[in-house]
């Protein structure tokens, strides 16, 4: 299959629903494991950890779309960037809800005390708050309402979200002196952001709205 054929395939109307189904697989697997009591000795910790790590994975995949599109000349990949961004937010929300419910029983005072006391939770909350307007404006009507330049400026927040997400993961793992995974995620993010810095003429170029 050549590049043109792949691009045509990416633009077929049935591919996007397929992508959504693929995005739902990890969450569905976790739900089935929870219902069938197959989350291990500490189900709450497993659910919180897995939803958090899947949030990072989807975010990194979202950030990979632009360099992949340019390196492969597959313009059709851009069709899926917003869907992957929304998927990232959904998993982040599931991560927070798993923590708020299973760890804190939805007791707001307990959650608030945890946010103020534990740096990694504070950073995670800030990342989730920054992601919210990005998810809420990930549709065509929002782009028209905001205007293309304001929409692009708003969605530059994704870089801050990625860095905060990595810091959240680092602080969580460092408490257990288990940083191997962190370095892998950090290396991938360094490549994804470094490519943008080089390609767009520095950090300010990466942040500039065109």
N, C-alpha and C. Protein backbone atom coordinates (compact mmCIF):
# COMPACT_ATOMS: atom_id res chain seq x y z
N UNK A 1 0.85 -1.20 0.00
CA UNK A 1 0.00 0.00 0.00
C UNK A 1 0.88 1.25 0.00
N UNK A 2 0.71 2.13 -0.98
CA UNK A 2 1.55 3.33 -1.04
C UNK A 2 0.96 4.45 -0.17
N UNK A 3 1.71 5.57 -0.13
CA UNK A 3 1.34 6.69 0.74
C UNK A 3 -0.04 7.26 0.39
N UNK A 4 -0.31 7.38 -0.90
CA UNK A 4 -1.59 7.93 -1.33
C UNK A 4 -2.75 7.03 -0.89
N UNK A 5 -2.57 5.73 -1.03
CA UNK A 5 -3.60 4.78 -0.63
C UNK A 5 -3.84 4.81 0.88
N UNK A 6 -2.74 4.91 1.65
CA UNK A 6 -2.88 5.00 3.11
C UNK A 6 -3.64 6.26 3.49
N UNK A 7 -3.32 7.37 2.83
CA UNK A 7 -4.00 8.63 3.12
C UNK A 7 -5.48 8.54 2.78
N UNK A 8 -5.80 7.93 1.68
CA UNK A 8 -7.20 7.75 1.30
C UNK A 8 -7.93 6.87 2.32
N UNK A 9 -7.24 5.86 2.79
CA UNK A 9 -7.81 4.98 3.81
C UNK A 9 -8.09 5.74 5.10
N UNK A 10 -7.14 6.61 5.50
CA UNK A 10 -7.31 7.40 6.72
C UNK A 10 -8.51 8.34 6.65
N UNK A 11 -8.88 8.74 5.43
CA UNK A 11 -9.98 9.69 5.25
C UNK A 11 -11.35 9.01 5.10
N UNK A 12 -11.38 7.69 5.11
CA UNK A 12 -12.65 6.99 4.98
C UNK A 12 -13.50 7.22 6.23
N UNK A 13 -14.83 7.39 6.08
CA UNK A 13 -15.69 7.76 7.21
C UNK A 13 -15.76 6.73 8.32
N UNK A 14 -15.52 5.46 8.03
CA UNK A 14 -15.64 4.43 9.05
C UNK A 14 -14.39 4.30 9.93
N UNK A 15 -13.30 4.97 9.54
CA UNK A 15 -12.05 4.82 10.29
C UNK A 15 -12.13 5.55 11.64
N UNK A 16 -12.75 6.72 11.67
CA UNK A 16 -12.82 7.47 12.93
C UNK A 16 -13.59 6.71 14.02
N UNK A 17 -14.77 6.13 13.72
CA UNK A 17 -15.42 5.30 14.74
C UNK A 17 -14.54 4.14 15.21
N UNK A 18 -13.75 3.60 14.29
CA UNK A 18 -12.83 2.52 14.65
C UNK A 18 -11.77 3.02 15.64
N UNK A 19 -11.28 4.24 15.39
CA UNK A 19 -10.30 4.84 16.30
C UNK A 19 -10.91 5.03 17.69
N UNK A 20 -12.16 5.51 17.74
CA UNK A 20 -12.83 5.67 19.04
C UNK A 20 -12.95 4.33 19.76
N UNK A 21 -13.24 3.27 19.01
CA UNK A 21 -13.35 1.93 19.62
C UNK A 21 -12.01 1.49 20.20
N UNK A 22 -10.95 1.74 19.45
CA UNK A 22 -9.61 1.38 19.93
C UNK A 22 -9.27 2.17 21.19
N UNK A 23 -9.62 3.45 21.20
CA UNK A 23 -9.36 4.30 22.37
C UNK A 23 -10.10 3.80 23.62
N UNK A 24 -11.25 3.17 23.40
CA UNK A 24 -12.07 2.70 24.51
C UNK A 24 -11.60 1.36 25.08
N UNK A 25 -10.72 0.67 24.35
CA UNK A 25 -10.31 -0.68 24.75
C UNK A 25 -9.68 -0.72 26.15
N UNK A 26 -8.68 0.14 26.47
CA UNK A 26 -8.08 0.05 27.81
C UNK A 26 -9.10 0.30 28.94
N UNK A 27 -9.97 1.30 28.76
CA UNK A 27 -10.97 1.59 29.79
C UNK A 27 -11.94 0.43 29.94
N UNK A 28 -12.33 -0.16 28.82
CA UNK A 28 -13.24 -1.30 28.86
C UNK A 28 -12.59 -2.49 29.56
N UNK A 29 -11.32 -2.72 29.26
CA UNK A 29 -10.60 -3.82 29.90
C UNK A 29 -10.52 -3.63 31.41
N UNK A 30 -10.28 -2.39 31.83
CA UNK A 30 -10.22 -2.10 33.27
C UNK A 30 -11.59 -2.29 33.92
N UNK A 31 -12.65 -1.87 33.21
CA UNK A 31 -14.01 -2.03 33.74
C UNK A 31 -14.35 -3.51 33.90
N UNK A 32 -14.03 -4.30 32.88
CA UNK A 32 -14.30 -5.74 32.96
C UNK A 32 -13.51 -6.38 34.11
N UNK A 33 -12.24 -5.97 34.25
CA UNK A 33 -11.41 -6.50 35.34
C UNK A 33 -11.98 -6.12 36.70
N UNK A 34 -12.51 -4.91 36.80
CA UNK A 34 -13.10 -4.46 38.07
C UNK A 34 -14.36 -5.25 38.39
N UNK A 35 -15.22 -5.43 37.40
CA UNK A 35 -16.48 -6.15 37.60
C UNK A 35 -16.24 -7.61 37.94
N UNK A 36 -15.21 -8.20 37.34
CA UNK A 36 -14.92 -9.63 37.57
C UNK A 36 -13.90 -9.85 38.68
N UNK A 37 -13.57 -8.77 39.40
CA UNK A 37 -12.65 -8.84 40.54
C UNK A 37 -11.28 -9.37 40.13
N UNK A 38 -10.75 -8.81 39.04
CA UNK A 38 -9.45 -9.25 38.52
C UNK A 38 -8.44 -8.10 38.47
N UNK A 39 -8.54 -7.18 39.42
CA UNK A 39 -7.61 -6.05 39.46
C UNK A 39 -6.46 -6.27 40.43
N UNK A 40 -6.38 -7.47 40.99
CA UNK A 40 -5.27 -7.76 41.89
C UNK A 40 -5.60 -7.52 43.35
N UNK A 41 -4.54 -7.54 44.15
CA UNK A 41 -4.71 -7.43 45.61
C UNK A 41 -5.19 -6.06 46.05
N UNK A 42 -4.84 -5.03 45.25
CA UNK A 42 -5.24 -3.65 45.60
C UNK A 42 -5.96 -3.04 44.40
N UNK A 43 -7.24 -3.35 44.22
CA UNK A 43 -7.98 -2.88 43.04
C UNK A 43 -8.00 -1.37 42.88
N UNK A 44 -8.17 -0.64 43.98
CA UNK A 44 -8.24 0.82 43.90
C UNK A 44 -6.93 1.40 43.37
N UNK A 45 -5.81 0.93 43.93
CA UNK A 45 -4.51 1.43 43.50
C UNK A 45 -4.25 1.09 42.04
N UNK A 46 -4.64 -0.12 41.63
CA UNK A 46 -4.46 -0.56 40.24
C UNK A 46 -5.26 0.32 39.28
N UNK A 47 -6.50 0.60 39.63
CA UNK A 47 -7.36 1.41 38.75
C UNK A 47 -6.84 2.84 38.64
N UNK A 48 -6.44 3.40 39.76
CA UNK A 48 -5.91 4.77 39.75
C UNK A 48 -4.63 4.83 38.93
N UNK A 49 -3.74 3.87 39.15
CA UNK A 49 -2.46 3.86 38.42
C UNK A 49 -2.65 3.67 36.92
N UNK A 50 -3.49 2.71 36.54
CA UNK A 50 -3.66 2.41 35.13
C UNK A 50 -4.33 3.55 34.36
N UNK A 51 -5.34 4.16 34.95
CA UNK A 51 -5.99 5.29 34.26
C UNK A 51 -5.02 6.46 34.12
N UNK A 52 -4.17 6.65 35.12
CA UNK A 52 -3.17 7.72 35.04
C UNK A 52 -2.15 7.47 33.95
N UNK A 53 -1.65 6.24 33.87
CA UNK A 53 -0.64 5.94 32.86
C UNK A 53 -1.23 5.95 31.45
N UNK A 54 -2.48 5.52 31.33
CA UNK A 54 -3.12 5.60 30.02
C UNK A 54 -3.36 7.05 29.61
N UNK A 55 -3.57 7.92 30.56
CA UNK A 55 -3.69 9.35 30.25
C UNK A 55 -2.40 9.85 29.58
N UNK A 56 -1.26 9.50 30.18
CA UNK A 56 0.02 9.92 29.60
C UNK A 56 0.23 9.30 28.22
N UNK A 57 -0.11 8.02 28.09
CA UNK A 57 0.10 7.36 26.79
C UNK A 57 -0.72 8.03 25.69
N UNK A 58 -1.99 8.32 25.97
CA UNK A 58 -2.82 8.97 24.95
C UNK A 58 -2.34 10.38 24.67
N UNK A 59 -1.86 11.07 25.70
CA UNK A 59 -1.35 12.42 25.47
C UNK A 59 -0.11 12.40 24.59
N UNK A 60 0.78 11.45 24.85
CA UNK A 60 1.99 11.34 24.03
C UNK A 60 1.63 10.97 22.59
N UNK A 61 0.65 10.08 22.41
CA UNK A 61 0.20 9.71 21.06
C UNK A 61 -0.39 10.93 20.35
N UNK A 62 -1.16 11.74 21.09
CA UNK A 62 -1.72 12.96 20.51
C UNK A 62 -0.62 13.90 20.04
N UNK A 63 0.40 14.06 20.87
CA UNK A 63 1.52 14.95 20.50
C UNK A 63 2.34 14.37 19.35
N UNK A 64 2.27 13.06 19.15
CA UNK A 64 3.04 12.43 18.07
C UNK A 64 2.40 12.62 16.70
N UNK A 65 1.13 13.00 16.67
CA UNK A 65 0.42 13.10 15.39
C UNK A 65 1.07 14.10 14.43
N UNK A 66 1.40 15.29 14.92
CA UNK A 66 1.97 16.32 14.04
C UNK A 66 3.32 15.91 13.46
N UNK A 67 4.29 15.47 14.28
CA UNK A 67 5.55 15.04 13.66
C UNK A 67 5.39 13.83 12.74
N UNK A 68 4.51 12.90 13.08
CA UNK A 68 4.28 11.76 12.20
C UNK A 68 3.68 12.20 10.87
N UNK A 69 2.76 13.15 10.94
CA UNK A 69 2.14 13.65 9.71
C UNK A 69 3.18 14.29 8.81
N UNK A 70 4.08 15.08 9.40
CA UNK A 70 5.09 15.75 8.58
C UNK A 70 6.15 14.78 8.06
N UNK A 71 6.54 13.82 8.89
CA UNK A 71 7.57 12.88 8.49
C UNK A 71 7.09 11.88 7.45
N UNK A 72 5.80 11.56 7.49
CA UNK A 72 5.25 10.56 6.57
C UNK A 72 4.45 11.16 5.42
N UNK A 73 4.19 12.49 5.51
CA UNK A 73 3.34 13.19 4.52
C UNK A 73 1.93 12.59 4.47
N UNK A 74 1.46 12.08 5.61
CA UNK A 74 0.10 11.54 5.68
C UNK A 74 -0.79 12.59 6.34
N UNK A 75 -1.33 13.49 5.53
CA UNK A 75 -2.14 14.58 6.05
C UNK A 75 -3.39 14.06 6.78
N UNK A 76 -3.86 12.88 6.39
CA UNK A 76 -5.06 12.31 7.01
C UNK A 76 -4.93 12.05 8.49
N UNK A 77 -3.69 11.94 8.99
CA UNK A 77 -3.50 11.71 10.42
C UNK A 77 -4.07 12.84 11.27
N UNK A 78 -4.04 14.07 10.74
CA UNK A 78 -4.53 15.21 11.51
C UNK A 78 -6.02 15.09 11.84
N UNK A 79 -6.72 14.30 11.06
CA UNK A 79 -8.16 14.09 11.28
C UNK A 79 -8.44 13.46 12.64
N UNK A 80 -7.43 12.83 13.22
CA UNK A 80 -7.63 12.08 14.46
C UNK A 80 -7.02 12.76 15.69
N UNK A 81 -6.36 13.89 15.49
CA UNK A 81 -5.67 14.53 16.60
C UNK A 81 -6.63 15.00 17.69
N UNK A 82 -7.73 15.63 17.28
CA UNK A 82 -8.68 16.09 18.29
C UNK A 82 -9.36 14.93 19.02
N UNK A 83 -9.67 13.86 18.30
CA UNK A 83 -10.28 12.69 18.93
C UNK A 83 -9.34 12.11 19.98
N UNK A 84 -8.06 12.07 19.68
CA UNK A 84 -7.08 11.54 20.63
C UNK A 84 -6.92 12.49 21.82
N UNK A 85 -7.01 13.80 21.56
CA UNK A 85 -6.96 14.76 22.65
C UNK A 85 -8.13 14.61 23.60
N UNK A 86 -9.32 14.42 23.05
CA UNK A 86 -10.51 14.20 23.89
C UNK A 86 -10.37 12.89 24.66
N UNK A 87 -9.83 11.87 24.02
CA UNK A 87 -9.58 10.59 24.70
C UNK A 87 -8.66 10.80 25.89
N UNK A 88 -7.62 11.59 25.71
CA UNK A 88 -6.70 11.90 26.80
C UNK A 88 -7.44 12.52 27.97
N UNK A 89 -8.32 13.47 27.68
CA UNK A 89 -9.07 14.13 28.75
C UNK A 89 -9.99 13.14 29.46
N UNK A 90 -10.64 12.27 28.70
CA UNK A 90 -11.55 11.28 29.31
C UNK A 90 -10.78 10.37 30.28
N UNK A 91 -9.60 9.93 29.87
CA UNK A 91 -8.80 9.08 30.76
C UNK A 91 -8.30 9.87 31.97
N UNK A 92 -7.96 11.13 31.78
CA UNK A 92 -7.55 11.97 32.92
C UNK A 92 -8.71 12.13 33.90
N UNK A 93 -9.91 12.31 33.37
CA UNK A 93 -11.09 12.44 34.22
C UNK A 93 -11.36 11.13 34.96
N UNK A 94 -11.21 10.01 34.27
CA UNK A 94 -11.37 8.70 34.92
C UNK A 94 -10.32 8.51 36.02
N UNK A 95 -9.11 8.99 35.76
CA UNK A 95 -8.03 8.92 36.75
C UNK A 95 -8.41 9.71 38.01
N UNK A 96 -8.88 10.94 37.80
CA UNK A 96 -9.29 11.76 38.94
C UNK A 96 -10.48 11.15 39.68
N UNK A 97 -11.49 10.69 38.94
CA UNK A 97 -12.67 10.11 39.57
C UNK A 97 -12.34 8.83 40.34
N UNK A 98 -11.40 8.05 39.80
CA UNK A 98 -10.97 6.84 40.51
C UNK A 98 -10.33 7.20 41.83
N UNK A 99 -9.48 8.23 41.82
CA UNK A 99 -8.83 8.71 43.05
C UNK A 99 -9.87 9.29 44.01
N UNK A 100 -10.74 10.17 43.48
CA UNK A 100 -11.71 10.86 44.33
C UNK A 100 -12.70 9.87 44.97
N UNK A 101 -13.07 8.85 44.23
CA UNK A 101 -14.05 7.88 44.73
C UNK A 101 -13.41 6.79 45.58
N UNK A 102 -12.40 6.11 45.01
CA UNK A 102 -11.85 4.94 45.67
C UNK A 102 -10.89 5.28 46.81
N UNK A 103 -10.22 6.42 46.69
CA UNK A 103 -9.25 6.80 47.72
C UNK A 103 -9.85 7.77 48.74
N UNK A 104 -10.78 8.63 48.30
CA UNK A 104 -11.30 9.67 49.19
C UNK A 104 -12.81 9.62 49.38
N UNK A 105 -13.48 8.66 48.75
CA UNK A 105 -14.92 8.52 48.93
C UNK A 105 -15.72 9.75 48.54
N UNK A 106 -15.21 10.54 47.60
CA UNK A 106 -15.85 11.77 47.14
C UNK A 106 -16.08 12.79 48.27
N UNK A 107 -15.26 12.72 49.30
CA UNK A 107 -15.33 13.70 50.39
C UNK A 107 -14.49 14.91 49.97
N UNK A 108 -15.16 16.01 49.67
CA UNK A 108 -14.48 17.18 49.09
C UNK A 108 -13.39 17.72 50.02
N UNK A 109 -13.67 17.79 51.32
CA UNK A 109 -12.67 18.30 52.27
C UNK A 109 -11.41 17.45 52.27
N UNK A 110 -11.60 16.12 52.18
CA UNK A 110 -10.45 15.21 52.15
C UNK A 110 -9.63 15.43 50.88
N UNK A 111 -10.31 15.59 49.78
CA UNK A 111 -9.62 15.82 48.51
C UNK A 111 -8.86 17.14 48.55
N UNK A 112 -9.51 18.18 49.06
CA UNK A 112 -8.89 19.50 49.12
C UNK A 112 -7.65 19.48 50.01
N UNK A 113 -7.73 18.79 51.17
CA UNK A 113 -6.57 18.68 52.04
C UNK A 113 -5.42 17.95 51.35
N UNK A 114 -5.78 16.93 50.58
CA UNK A 114 -4.76 16.17 49.84
C UNK A 114 -4.09 17.03 48.79
N UNK A 115 -4.87 17.86 48.11
CA UNK A 115 -4.33 18.76 47.09
C UNK A 115 -3.31 19.72 47.70
N UNK A 116 -3.64 20.26 48.87
CA UNK A 116 -2.76 21.22 49.52
C UNK A 116 -1.54 20.57 50.15
N UNK A 117 -1.68 19.30 50.53
CA UNK A 117 -0.61 18.61 51.26
C UNK A 117 0.38 17.91 50.36
N UNK A 118 -0.08 17.38 49.23
CA UNK A 118 0.76 16.53 48.39
C UNK A 118 0.99 17.18 47.03
N UNK A 119 2.25 17.51 46.76
CA UNK A 119 2.59 18.25 45.54
C UNK A 119 2.16 17.54 44.26
N UNK A 120 2.30 16.22 44.22
CA UNK A 120 2.00 15.52 42.98
C UNK A 120 0.50 15.55 42.66
N UNK A 121 -0.33 15.61 43.71
CA UNK A 121 -1.77 15.72 43.48
C UNK A 121 -2.13 17.13 43.04
N UNK A 122 -1.49 18.13 43.63
CA UNK A 122 -1.71 19.52 43.21
C UNK A 122 -1.37 19.70 41.73
N UNK A 123 -0.23 19.18 41.31
CA UNK A 123 0.20 19.29 39.92
C UNK A 123 -0.77 18.56 39.00
N UNK A 124 -1.22 17.38 39.42
CA UNK A 124 -2.19 16.64 38.62
C UNK A 124 -3.50 17.38 38.47
N UNK A 125 -3.95 18.03 39.53
CA UNK A 125 -5.20 18.80 39.47
C UNK A 125 -5.06 20.00 38.53
N UNK A 126 -3.92 20.67 38.60
CA UNK A 126 -3.69 21.81 37.70
C UNK A 126 -3.71 21.33 36.24
N UNK A 127 -3.07 20.20 35.98
CA UNK A 127 -3.07 19.65 34.62
C UNK A 127 -4.48 19.34 34.14
N UNK A 128 -5.29 18.75 35.02
CA UNK A 128 -6.68 18.42 34.66
C UNK A 128 -7.49 19.69 34.39
N UNK A 129 -7.29 20.71 35.21
CA UNK A 129 -8.00 21.98 35.02
C UNK A 129 -7.61 22.61 33.68
N UNK A 130 -6.32 22.56 33.34
CA UNK A 130 -5.87 23.12 32.06
C UNK A 130 -6.39 22.33 30.87
N UNK A 131 -6.58 21.03 31.06
CA UNK A 131 -7.09 20.19 29.97
C UNK A 131 -8.56 20.44 29.69
N UNK A 132 -9.31 20.87 30.70
CA UNK A 132 -10.76 20.98 30.56
C UNK A 132 -11.18 21.92 29.42
N UNK A 133 -10.66 23.16 29.35
CA UNK A 133 -11.07 24.02 28.23
C UNK A 133 -10.62 23.48 26.88
N UNK A 134 -9.54 22.72 26.84
CA UNK A 134 -9.11 22.13 25.58
C UNK A 134 -10.12 21.09 25.10
N UNK A 135 -10.59 20.27 26.02
CA UNK A 135 -11.60 19.26 25.66
C UNK A 135 -12.91 19.91 25.26
N UNK A 136 -13.30 20.96 25.98
CA UNK A 136 -14.58 21.61 25.73
C UNK A 136 -14.59 22.39 24.41
N UNK A 137 -13.41 22.68 23.87
CA UNK A 137 -13.34 23.43 22.61
C UNK A 137 -12.82 22.56 21.46
N UNK A 138 -12.88 21.26 21.62
CA UNK A 138 -12.37 20.36 20.59
C UNK A 138 -13.45 19.97 19.57
N UNK A 139 -14.12 20.96 19.06
CA UNK A 139 -15.11 20.72 18.00
C UNK A 139 -15.16 21.95 17.10
N UNK A 140 -15.66 21.78 15.89
CA UNK A 140 -15.59 22.83 14.88
C UNK A 140 -16.30 24.12 15.28
N UNK A 141 -17.44 23.99 15.96
CA UNK A 141 -18.18 25.20 16.34
C UNK A 141 -17.37 26.07 17.30
N UNK A 142 -16.59 25.43 18.18
CA UNK A 142 -15.75 26.19 19.12
C UNK A 142 -14.66 26.94 18.38
N UNK A 143 -14.10 26.32 17.34
CA UNK A 143 -13.06 27.00 16.55
C UNK A 143 -13.64 28.25 15.89
N UNK A 144 -14.84 28.12 15.34
CA UNK A 144 -15.49 29.27 14.71
C UNK A 144 -15.81 30.35 15.73
N UNK A 145 -16.28 29.94 16.90
CA UNK A 145 -16.65 30.91 17.94
C UNK A 145 -15.44 31.67 18.47
N UNK A 146 -14.33 30.95 18.68
CA UNK A 146 -13.12 31.57 19.25
C UNK A 146 -12.30 32.30 18.19
N UNK A 147 -12.38 31.82 16.97
CA UNK A 147 -11.47 32.30 15.93
C UNK A 147 -10.24 31.41 15.92
N UNK A 148 -9.70 31.16 14.74
CA UNK A 148 -8.61 30.19 14.60
C UNK A 148 -7.39 30.53 15.47
N UNK A 149 -7.01 31.82 15.52
CA UNK A 149 -5.80 32.18 16.27
C UNK A 149 -5.98 32.02 17.77
N UNK A 150 -7.13 32.45 18.29
CA UNK A 150 -7.38 32.29 19.73
C UNK A 150 -7.49 30.81 20.09
N UNK A 151 -8.10 30.04 19.20
CA UNK A 151 -8.23 28.60 19.44
C UNK A 151 -6.85 27.95 19.49
N UNK A 152 -5.99 28.32 18.53
CA UNK A 152 -4.64 27.76 18.51
C UNK A 152 -3.86 28.17 19.76
N UNK A 153 -4.00 29.44 20.17
CA UNK A 153 -3.30 29.91 21.36
C UNK A 153 -3.74 29.12 22.60
N UNK A 154 -5.05 28.90 22.72
CA UNK A 154 -5.57 28.14 23.84
C UNK A 154 -5.00 26.72 23.85
N UNK A 155 -4.95 26.11 22.69
CA UNK A 155 -4.52 24.71 22.62
C UNK A 155 -3.01 24.52 22.71
N UNK A 156 -2.27 25.63 22.77
CA UNK A 156 -0.85 25.53 23.09
C UNK A 156 -0.65 25.08 24.55
N UNK A 157 -1.71 25.18 25.35
CA UNK A 157 -1.64 24.72 26.74
C UNK A 157 -1.31 23.24 26.84
N UNK A 158 -1.47 22.51 25.74
CA UNK A 158 -1.20 21.08 25.76
C UNK A 158 0.25 20.80 26.17
N UNK A 159 1.16 21.72 25.84
CA UNK A 159 2.57 21.52 26.21
C UNK A 159 2.74 21.63 27.72
N UNK A 160 2.07 22.59 28.33
CA UNK A 160 2.12 22.73 29.79
C UNK A 160 1.49 21.51 30.45
N UNK A 161 0.38 21.05 29.89
CA UNK A 161 -0.29 19.86 30.43
C UNK A 161 0.65 18.66 30.40
N UNK A 162 1.37 18.48 29.29
CA UNK A 162 2.29 17.35 29.17
C UNK A 162 3.40 17.42 30.22
N UNK A 163 3.96 18.60 30.41
CA UNK A 163 5.04 18.75 31.39
C UNK A 163 4.52 18.54 32.81
N UNK A 164 3.34 19.07 33.10
CA UNK A 164 2.75 18.87 34.43
C UNK A 164 2.40 17.40 34.65
N UNK A 165 1.89 16.74 33.59
CA UNK A 165 1.57 15.33 33.71
C UNK A 165 2.80 14.49 34.01
N UNK A 166 3.91 14.82 33.33
CA UNK A 166 5.16 14.10 33.58
C UNK A 166 5.66 14.36 34.99
N UNK A 167 5.56 15.62 35.46
CA UNK A 167 5.98 15.96 36.82
C UNK A 167 5.13 15.23 37.85
N UNK A 168 3.83 15.17 37.61
CA UNK A 168 2.90 14.41 38.47
C UNK A 168 3.34 12.95 38.57
N UNK A 169 3.65 12.36 37.42
CA UNK A 169 4.08 10.96 37.37
C UNK A 169 5.41 10.77 38.08
N UNK A 170 6.33 11.72 37.87
CA UNK A 170 7.65 11.66 38.51
C UNK A 170 7.54 11.70 40.03
N UNK A 171 6.79 12.67 40.56
CA UNK A 171 6.66 12.79 42.01
C UNK A 171 5.98 11.57 42.62
N UNK A 172 4.99 11.03 41.92
CA UNK A 172 4.30 9.83 42.39
C UNK A 172 5.26 8.65 42.46
N UNK A 173 6.04 8.46 41.40
CA UNK A 173 6.96 7.32 41.34
C UNK A 173 8.18 7.50 42.24
N UNK A 174 8.64 8.75 42.40
CA UNK A 174 9.83 8.99 43.21
C UNK A 174 9.60 8.65 44.67
N UNK A 175 8.34 8.73 45.11
CA UNK A 175 8.00 8.37 46.50
C UNK A 175 8.30 6.89 46.76
N UNK A 176 8.26 6.09 45.68
CA UNK A 176 8.54 4.65 45.80
C UNK A 176 9.90 4.29 45.21
N UNK A 177 10.67 5.32 44.87
CA UNK A 177 12.00 5.12 44.27
C UNK A 177 11.93 4.19 43.06
N UNK A 178 10.93 4.44 42.21
CA UNK A 178 10.69 3.61 41.03
C UNK A 178 10.57 4.53 39.81
N UNK A 179 11.73 4.86 39.22
CA UNK A 179 11.74 5.89 38.19
C UNK A 179 12.01 5.38 36.77
N UNK A 180 12.15 4.08 36.60
CA UNK A 180 12.48 3.57 35.27
C UNK A 180 11.46 3.98 34.22
N UNK A 181 10.17 3.80 34.52
CA UNK A 181 9.13 4.19 33.58
C UNK A 181 9.12 5.68 33.33
N UNK A 182 9.41 6.44 34.38
CA UNK A 182 9.40 7.90 34.25
C UNK A 182 10.39 8.35 33.19
N UNK A 183 11.60 7.76 33.20
CA UNK A 183 12.62 8.17 32.25
C UNK A 183 12.22 7.82 30.82
N UNK A 184 11.49 6.72 30.65
CA UNK A 184 11.01 6.36 29.31
C UNK A 184 10.02 7.41 28.81
N UNK A 185 9.05 7.75 29.66
CA UNK A 185 8.06 8.77 29.28
C UNK A 185 8.75 10.12 29.03
N UNK A 186 9.74 10.45 29.88
CA UNK A 186 10.45 11.72 29.73
C UNK A 186 11.23 11.77 28.42
N UNK A 187 11.86 10.65 28.06
CA UNK A 187 12.63 10.60 26.81
C UNK A 187 11.72 10.78 25.61
N UNK A 188 10.56 10.13 25.62
CA UNK A 188 9.62 10.26 24.51
C UNK A 188 9.12 11.70 24.40
N UNK A 189 8.77 12.31 25.54
CA UNK A 189 8.30 13.69 25.52
C UNK A 189 9.41 14.64 25.04
N UNK A 190 10.64 14.37 25.45
CA UNK A 190 11.76 15.21 25.01
C UNK A 190 11.89 15.17 23.48
N UNK A 191 11.69 14.00 22.89
CA UNK A 191 11.74 13.88 21.43
C UNK A 191 10.58 14.64 20.79
N UNK A 192 9.37 14.47 21.34
CA UNK A 192 8.19 15.10 20.76
C UNK A 192 8.25 16.63 20.84
N UNK A 193 8.70 17.15 21.98
CA UNK A 193 8.81 18.60 22.12
C UNK A 193 10.07 19.13 21.45
N UNK A 194 11.15 18.35 21.53
CA UNK A 194 12.40 18.76 20.89
C UNK A 194 12.25 18.89 19.38
N UNK A 195 11.49 17.99 18.78
CA UNK A 195 11.23 18.07 17.34
C UNK A 195 10.54 19.39 17.01
N UNK A 196 9.57 19.78 17.84
CA UNK A 196 8.85 21.03 17.59
C UNK A 196 9.77 22.24 17.76
N UNK A 197 10.62 22.20 18.79
CA UNK A 197 11.54 23.31 19.03
C UNK A 197 12.47 23.49 17.84
N UNK A 198 13.04 22.40 17.36
CA UNK A 198 13.96 22.47 16.21
C UNK A 198 13.21 22.88 14.94
N UNK A 199 12.06 22.26 14.73
CA UNK A 199 11.30 22.48 13.49
C UNK A 199 10.77 23.91 13.40
N UNK A 200 10.44 24.51 14.57
CA UNK A 200 9.78 25.81 14.56
C UNK A 200 10.67 26.94 15.04
N UNK A 201 11.96 26.67 15.14
CA UNK A 201 12.92 27.74 15.42
C UNK A 201 13.01 28.18 16.85
N UNK A 202 12.98 27.25 17.77
CA UNK A 202 13.11 27.56 19.19
C UNK A 202 11.81 27.44 19.96
N UNK A 203 11.94 27.60 21.27
CA UNK A 203 10.78 27.45 22.15
C UNK A 203 9.72 28.49 21.82
N UNK A 204 10.13 29.73 21.59
CA UNK A 204 9.16 30.78 21.28
C UNK A 204 8.48 30.50 19.96
N UNK A 205 9.21 29.93 19.03
CA UNK A 205 8.60 29.57 17.75
C UNK A 205 7.55 28.48 17.94
N UNK A 206 7.84 27.54 18.84
CA UNK A 206 6.89 26.47 19.12
C UNK A 206 5.59 27.03 19.72
N UNK A 207 5.75 28.07 20.52
CA UNK A 207 4.58 28.65 21.20
C UNK A 207 3.87 29.72 20.39
N UNK A 208 4.52 30.17 19.31
CA UNK A 208 3.93 31.23 18.49
C UNK A 208 2.70 30.73 17.73
N UNK A 209 1.68 31.58 17.69
CA UNK A 209 0.47 31.26 16.93
C UNK A 209 0.64 31.81 15.53
N UNK A 210 0.45 30.98 14.54
CA UNK A 210 0.64 31.42 13.15
C UNK A 210 -0.68 31.60 12.45
